[in-house]
């Protein structure tokens, strides 16, 4: 069964956000690499909506990596932090809160993409920071 061209445009944004969620939930790293290839191809072959969705999802993946890995490493680099039980409580609460928020952002982006729209403006603005 062939898809219409309009339906294929909607799928570019949908796949961008599926890869973002896969990067957070299923296969970190591998999904990020695939998402980078997807972003590159969408820049070359897609309309504006697909490009915006792909760019925003990739930017959110980079931000997610910085928030999750970067901040955790900064907290753990504090002298004496690794042996302190309070550090681990803070890390678990931080990781859980940030990770859940990033997943919710991905669901918002995925729902917009499945509706055939670009991500909301506030998401695009956050991705440009």
Protein backbone atom coordinates (compact mmCIF):
# COMPACT_ATOMS: atom_id res chain seq x y z
CA UNK A 1 0.00 0.00 0.00
CA UNK A 2 1.44 3.33 -1.02
CA UNK A 3 1.25 6.33 1.25
CA UNK A 4 0.25 9.73 0.05
CA UNK A 5 2.90 12.41 0.00
CA UNK A 6 1.06 14.32 2.74
CA UNK A 7 1.08 11.26 4.98
CA UNK A 8 4.81 10.77 4.42
CA UNK A 9 5.46 14.39 5.49
CA UNK A 10 3.68 13.77 8.78
CA UNK A 11 5.78 10.70 9.42
CA UNK A 12 9.07 12.64 9.35
CA UNK A 13 8.14 14.57 12.47
CA UNK A 14 6.62 11.50 14.08
CA UNK A 15 9.81 9.49 13.57
CA UNK A 16 11.91 12.35 14.92
CA UNK A 17 10.00 12.30 18.20
CA UNK A 18 9.87 8.51 18.33
CA UNK A 19 13.66 8.49 18.09
CA UNK A 20 13.85 11.15 20.81
CA UNK A 21 11.75 8.99 23.13
CA UNK A 22 13.73 5.89 22.18
CA UNK A 23 16.90 7.76 23.08
CA UNK A 24 15.47 8.50 26.52
CA UNK A 25 13.71 5.22 27.21
CA UNK A 26 14.97 2.27 25.20
CA UNK A 27 18.34 2.66 23.51
CA UNK A 28 20.32 5.74 24.58
CA UNK A 29 23.19 6.44 22.25
CA UNK A 30 22.08 4.19 19.41
CA UNK A 31 18.81 6.07 18.99
CA UNK A 32 20.74 9.35 19.21
CA UNK A 33 23.00 8.34 16.34
CA UNK A 34 20.00 7.29 14.24
CA UNK A 35 18.31 10.55 15.17
CA UNK A 36 21.35 12.47 13.91
CA UNK A 37 21.17 10.68 10.57
CA UNK A 38 17.41 11.32 10.46
CA UNK A 39 17.99 15.03 11.12
CA UNK A 40 20.59 15.22 8.35
CA UNK A 41 18.30 13.52 5.84
CA UNK A 42 15.34 15.68 6.85
CA UNK A 43 17.41 18.80 6.20
CA UNK A 44 18.01 17.61 2.66
CA UNK A 45 14.70 16.08 1.64
CA UNK A 46 11.82 17.33 3.81
CA UNK A 47 9.43 20.24 3.98
CA UNK A 48 9.56 22.89 6.71
CA UNK A 49 7.37 21.03 9.20
CA UNK A 50 9.51 17.91 9.06
CA UNK A 51 12.73 19.92 9.34
CA UNK A 52 11.45 21.87 12.32
CA UNK A 53 10.27 18.73 14.10
CA UNK A 54 13.53 16.92 13.41
CA UNK A 55 15.69 19.87 14.48
CA UNK A 56 13.66 20.42 17.66
CA UNK A 57 13.75 16.75 18.62
CA UNK A 58 17.52 16.57 18.06
CA UNK A 59 18.07 19.75 20.09
CA UNK A 60 15.96 18.29 22.89
CA UNK A 61 18.09 15.13 22.80
CA UNK A 62 21.25 17.17 23.17
CA UNK A 63 19.71 19.21 26.00
CA UNK A 64 18.55 15.97 27.65
CA UNK A 65 22.05 14.54 27.52
CA UNK A 66 23.52 17.67 29.03
CA UNK A 67 20.89 17.82 31.76
CA UNK A 68 21.06 14.17 32.70
CA UNK A 69 24.72 13.26 32.23
CA UNK A 70 26.35 16.64 32.67
CA UNK A 71 24.67 17.71 35.90
CA UNK A 72 25.04 14.26 37.46
CA UNK A 73 28.78 14.31 36.71
CA UNK A 74 29.08 17.82 38.15
CA UNK A 75 27.33 16.74 41.36
CA UNK A 76 29.50 13.63 41.65
CA UNK A 77 32.68 15.64 41.08
CA UNK A 78 32.17 17.57 44.32
CA UNK A 79 34.80 16.37 46.82
CA UNK A 80 33.32 13.84 49.24
CA UNK A 81 30.03 13.59 47.34
CA UNK A 82 30.29 9.94 46.32
CA UNK A 83 30.49 8.68 49.90
CA UNK A 84 27.68 10.89 51.17
CA UNK A 85 24.22 9.25 51.22
CA UNK A 86 22.54 12.65 50.80
CA UNK A 87 24.20 13.00 47.41
CA UNK A 88 22.57 9.82 46.19
CA UNK A 89 19.14 10.93 47.41
CA UNK A 90 19.57 14.22 45.57
CA UNK A 91 20.75 12.41 42.42
CA UNK A 92 17.83 9.97 42.42
CA UNK A 93 15.28 12.76 42.89
CA UNK A 94 16.99 14.96 40.28
CA UNK A 95 17.31 12.18 37.71
CA UNK A 96 13.71 11.02 38.17
CA UNK A 97 12.28 14.53 37.93
CA UNK A 98 14.33 15.62 34.92
CA UNK A 99 13.88 12.34 33.08
CA UNK A 100 10.10 12.35 33.57
CA UNK A 101 9.89 15.98 32.40
CA UNK A 102 11.92 15.20 29.28
CA UNK A 103 9.68 12.23 28.48
CA UNK A 104 6.61 14.46 28.81
CA UNK A 105 8.18 16.99 26.43
CA UNK A 106 8.69 14.13 23.98
CA UNK A 107 5.05 13.08 24.27
CA UNK A 108 3.97 16.67 23.53
CA UNK A 109 6.21 16.77 20.46
CA UNK A 110 5.03 13.35 19.31
CA UNK A 111 1.37 14.30 19.64
CA UNK A 112 1.95 17.47 17.61
CA UNK A 113 3.80 15.48 14.94
CA UNK A 114 1.08 12.84 14.77
CA UNK A 115 -1.43 15.66 14.22
CA UNK A 116 0.68 16.89 11.29
CA UNK A 117 1.78 20.09 13.02
CA UNK A 118 5.16 21.49 13.92
CA UNK A 119 6.17 21.35 17.58
CA UNK A 120 4.67 24.11 19.75
CA UNK A 121 6.47 27.46 19.64
CA UNK A 122 7.68 27.19 23.23
CA UNK A 123 9.42 23.91 22.36
CA UNK A 124 11.06 25.47 19.34
CA UNK A 125 12.19 28.42 21.47
CA UNK A 126 13.65 26.08 24.11
CA UNK A 127 15.51 24.18 21.40
CA UNK A 128 17.15 27.39 20.17
CA UNK A 129 18.56 28.39 23.58
